[in-house]
N, C-alpha and C. Protein backbone atom coordinates (compact mmCIF):
# COMPACT_ATOMS: atom_id res chain seq x y z
N MET A 1 43.14 98.73 171.43
CA MET A 1 43.57 98.56 170.01
C MET A 1 43.15 99.83 169.32
N ALA A 2 43.94 100.26 168.45
CA ALA A 2 43.79 101.32 167.80
C ALA A 2 44.32 101.43 166.29
N VAL A 3 43.02 101.95 165.37
CA VAL A 3 43.52 101.75 163.84
C VAL A 3 43.42 103.27 163.13
N SER A 4 44.69 103.01 162.20
CA SER A 4 45.12 104.51 161.81
C SER A 4 44.44 104.30 160.02
N VAL A 5 44.68 105.19 159.67
CA VAL A 5 44.50 105.21 158.13
C VAL A 5 45.00 106.67 157.67
N PRO A 6 46.10 106.22 156.92
CA PRO A 6 46.23 107.79 156.57
C PRO A 6 45.36 108.45 155.43
N LYS A 7 45.07 109.94 155.24
CA LYS A 7 44.37 110.44 154.26
C LYS A 7 45.10 110.27 152.99
N ARG A 8 46.47 110.03 152.63
CA ARG A 8 46.89 109.47 151.36
C ARG A 8 46.68 108.47 151.16
N LEU A 9 46.03 107.25 151.74
CA LEU A 9 45.80 106.23 151.53
C LEU A 9 44.10 106.22 150.89
N GLU A 10 43.28 106.78 151.38
CA GLU A 10 41.64 107.22 151.12
C GLU A 10 41.42 108.40 151.49
N LYS A 11 41.27 109.34 150.62
CA LYS A 11 41.19 110.86 150.67
C LYS A 11 39.77 110.77 151.46
N THR A 12 38.41 109.82 151.10
CA THR A 12 37.59 110.69 152.17
C THR A 12 37.57 109.51 153.49
N ALA A 13 36.50 110.44 154.17
CA ALA A 13 36.40 110.40 155.55
C ALA A 13 35.73 108.69 155.70
N VAL A 14 34.70 108.73 154.69
CA VAL A 14 34.06 107.96 154.86
C VAL A 14 34.51 106.82 154.41
N GLY A 15 35.41 106.85 153.45
CA GLY A 15 36.63 105.56 152.76
C GLY A 15 37.63 105.17 154.20
N ARG A 16 37.67 106.09 154.93
CA ARG A 16 39.11 105.84 156.00
C ARG A 16 37.88 104.86 157.27
N ASN A 17 37.32 105.35 157.36
CA ASN A 17 36.18 104.83 158.17
C ASN A 17 35.24 103.77 158.01
N ARG A 18 35.17 103.36 156.81
CA ARG A 18 34.85 101.76 156.09
C ARG A 18 35.79 101.00 156.81
N ILE A 19 37.38 101.58 156.49
CA ILE A 19 38.54 100.73 156.41
C ILE A 19 38.84 100.45 157.93
N LYS A 20 38.51 101.72 158.71
CA LYS A 20 38.40 101.17 160.11
C LYS A 20 37.51 100.47 161.14
N ARG A 21 36.20 100.35 160.53
CA ARG A 21 35.36 99.61 160.88
C ARG A 21 35.74 98.05 160.46
N TRP A 22 36.33 97.42 159.27
CA TRP A 22 36.71 95.91 158.68
C TRP A 22 37.56 95.99 159.56
N VAL A 23 38.66 96.80 159.85
CA VAL A 23 39.87 96.38 160.79
C VAL A 23 38.89 95.88 162.05
N ARG A 24 38.37 96.69 162.87
CA ARG A 24 37.89 96.16 163.99
C ARG A 24 37.34 95.10 164.14
N GLU A 25 36.17 94.79 162.90
CA GLU A 25 35.28 93.90 163.12
C GLU A 25 36.62 92.83 163.01
N ALA A 26 36.80 92.77 161.68
CA ALA A 26 38.18 91.76 161.86
C ALA A 26 38.92 91.29 163.33
N TYR A 27 39.30 92.00 163.71
CA TYR A 27 39.83 92.01 165.01
C TYR A 27 38.94 91.39 166.29
N ARG A 28 37.76 91.64 166.39
CA ARG A 28 36.50 91.57 167.09
C ARG A 28 36.20 89.67 166.81
N LEU A 29 36.25 89.84 165.67
CA LEU A 29 35.76 88.20 165.33
C LEU A 29 37.10 87.05 165.48
N HIS A 30 38.31 87.64 165.56
CA HIS A 30 39.57 86.94 165.91
C HIS A 30 40.30 87.17 166.43
N LYS A 31 40.04 87.68 167.43
CA LYS A 31 40.96 87.67 169.04
C LYS A 31 41.16 86.69 170.00
N HIS A 32 39.95 85.56 169.07
CA HIS A 32 40.88 84.68 170.66
C HIS A 32 41.94 84.33 169.82
N LEU A 33 42.24 83.98 169.35
CA LEU A 33 43.76 83.64 168.80
C LEU A 33 45.00 84.39 169.51
N LEU A 34 44.68 85.69 169.91
CA LEU A 34 45.63 86.54 170.48
C LEU A 34 45.30 86.34 172.30
N TYR A 35 44.52 86.18 172.51
CA TYR A 35 43.85 85.80 173.91
C TYR A 35 44.14 84.50 174.85
N ALA A 36 44.00 83.74 173.79
CA ALA A 36 44.42 82.02 173.87
C ALA A 36 45.78 82.20 175.12
N LYS A 37 46.68 82.97 174.65
CA LYS A 37 48.04 82.50 175.19
C LYS A 37 48.06 83.92 176.16
N THR A 38 47.63 85.55 176.34
CA THR A 38 47.63 86.01 177.12
C THR A 38 46.83 85.64 178.55
N ASN A 39 45.63 85.09 178.05
CA ASN A 39 44.82 85.21 179.22
C ASN A 39 45.42 84.67 180.33
N GLU A 40 45.93 83.57 180.20
CA GLU A 40 46.27 82.45 181.00
C GLU A 40 47.51 83.28 182.12
N SER A 41 48.01 84.35 181.61
CA SER A 41 48.93 85.06 182.22
C SER A 41 48.52 86.38 183.29
N GLY A 42 47.37 86.98 182.75
CA GLY A 42 46.65 87.91 182.70
C GLY A 42 47.63 89.56 182.32
N ALA A 43 48.03 89.29 181.09
CA ALA A 43 48.58 90.12 180.50
C ALA A 43 47.83 90.91 179.45
N VAL A 44 48.10 92.38 179.93
CA VAL A 44 47.32 93.50 178.79
C VAL A 44 48.28 93.58 177.37
N VAL A 45 47.27 93.31 176.45
CA VAL A 45 48.25 93.76 175.02
C VAL A 45 47.89 94.90 174.28
N ASN A 46 48.17 95.90 174.03
CA ASN A 46 47.76 97.07 172.96
C ASN A 46 48.26 96.84 171.80
N MET A 47 47.39 97.55 171.24
CA MET A 47 47.89 97.07 169.21
C MET A 47 47.48 98.20 168.60
N LEU A 48 48.34 98.61 167.74
CA LEU A 48 47.97 99.86 166.70
C LEU A 48 47.98 99.02 165.07
N PHE A 49 47.09 99.21 165.08
CA PHE A 49 46.96 99.15 163.23
C PHE A 49 47.27 99.83 162.56
N VAL A 50 48.33 100.40 161.47
CA VAL A 50 48.01 101.12 160.70
C VAL A 50 48.18 101.07 159.19
N CYS A 51 47.12 101.08 158.21
CA CYS A 51 46.87 100.89 156.99
C CYS A 51 48.02 101.46 156.15
N ILE A 52 49.17 100.83 154.88
CA ILE A 52 50.40 101.31 154.81
C ILE A 52 50.05 101.14 153.21
N GLY A 53 49.18 100.03 152.62
CA GLY A 53 49.13 99.93 151.17
C GLY A 53 48.64 100.19 150.64
N LYS A 54 48.63 100.42 149.20
CA LYS A 54 47.52 101.09 148.39
C LYS A 54 46.68 100.40 147.21
N GLU A 55 46.58 99.25 147.69
CA GLU A 55 45.67 98.76 146.66
C GLU A 55 44.25 98.42 147.39
N ASN A 56 43.40 98.26 146.50
CA ASN A 56 42.35 98.18 147.07
C ASN A 56 41.75 97.14 148.09
N LEU A 57 41.33 97.92 148.81
CA LEU A 57 41.08 96.79 150.49
C LEU A 57 39.33 96.46 150.26
N SER A 58 39.09 95.09 150.42
CA SER A 58 38.11 94.26 150.94
C SER A 58 37.97 93.78 151.98
N PHE A 59 36.73 93.14 152.48
CA PHE A 59 37.14 92.91 154.14
C PHE A 59 37.31 92.00 154.38
N SER A 60 37.47 90.69 153.05
CA SER A 60 38.12 89.31 153.10
C SER A 60 39.54 89.69 152.81
N VAL A 61 40.11 90.89 152.31
CA VAL A 61 41.69 91.15 152.33
C VAL A 61 41.74 91.19 154.04
N ILE A 62 41.04 92.56 154.86
CA ILE A 62 41.35 93.22 155.74
C ILE A 62 41.49 91.89 156.88
N GLU A 63 40.28 90.86 156.50
CA GLU A 63 40.50 89.86 157.69
C GLU A 63 41.47 89.08 157.73
N ASN A 64 41.95 88.62 156.50
CA ASN A 64 43.03 87.47 156.58
C ASN A 64 44.39 87.94 156.92
N ALA A 65 44.87 89.26 156.65
CA ALA A 65 46.10 90.13 157.14
C ALA A 65 45.49 90.30 158.52
N VAL A 66 44.65 90.66 158.92
CA VAL A 66 44.58 90.55 160.58
C VAL A 66 44.34 89.04 161.28
N THR A 67 43.82 88.17 160.65
CA THR A 67 44.51 87.00 161.23
C THR A 67 45.36 86.35 160.70
N GLU A 68 45.96 86.80 160.07
CA GLU A 68 47.52 86.17 159.80
C GLU A 68 48.70 86.95 161.15
N ILE A 69 48.49 87.95 161.58
CA ILE A 69 49.05 88.89 162.08
C ILE A 69 48.74 88.60 163.51
N LEU A 70 47.81 88.20 164.20
CA LEU A 70 47.31 87.62 165.58
C LEU A 70 47.83 86.20 165.71
N GLN A 71 47.80 85.57 164.14
CA GLN A 71 48.34 84.24 164.51
C GLN A 71 50.10 84.11 164.85
N LYS A 72 50.91 84.90 163.98
CA LYS A 72 52.11 85.27 164.24
C LYS A 72 52.33 85.72 165.60
N ILE A 73 51.44 86.20 166.54
CA ILE A 73 52.05 87.08 167.64
C ILE A 73 51.62 85.98 168.47
N ASN A 74 51.06 85.05 168.28
CA ASN A 74 50.41 83.69 169.17
C ASN A 74 51.22 82.87 169.21
N ASP A 75 51.80 82.71 167.67
CA ASP A 75 53.00 81.80 167.85
C ASP A 75 54.29 82.06 168.27
N ARG A 76 54.67 83.38 168.13
CA ARG A 76 56.32 83.90 168.67
C ARG A 76 56.34 82.66 170.04
N ASP A 77 57.31 82.68 170.28
CA ASP A 77 57.76 81.74 171.53
C ASP A 77 58.69 82.91 172.81
N ASP A 78 59.43 83.84 172.01
CA ASP A 78 60.31 84.52 172.29
C ASP A 78 59.23 86.32 172.82
N VAL A 79 57.90 86.69 172.98
CA VAL A 79 57.25 87.35 173.65
C VAL A 79 57.37 86.92 175.27
N HIS A 80 57.86 88.05 175.86
CA HIS A 80 57.91 88.25 177.25
C HIS A 80 56.54 88.92 177.42
N ILE A 81 56.07 88.03 178.87
CA ILE A 81 54.68 88.87 179.03
C ILE A 81 54.72 89.20 180.41
N VAL A 82 54.43 90.35 180.69
CA VAL A 82 55.35 91.17 181.78
C VAL A 82 53.53 91.58 182.64
N SER A 83 53.39 90.85 183.76
CA SER A 83 52.07 91.32 184.30
C SER A 83 52.41 92.07 185.45
N ALA A 84 51.70 93.52 185.51
CA ALA A 84 51.46 94.20 186.34
C ALA A 84 51.25 93.78 188.00
């Protein structure tokens, strides 16, 4: 799992790192939504989160967005899981 926060979104490194920490923490808290489907098949999941919005971000906003994304991936039926 990777997180990218562009400099044009947050000018300071402290701000970019804070957003990255919040995204990683939200993913850690809700990754069970994603792995419920993939654990039974032994699949590997690679993800990249890219922050593109310009609104003020808080942990609750980020957590809701990450939860929604993981839930959408879990709910999809057309995801083809390929095991190595």
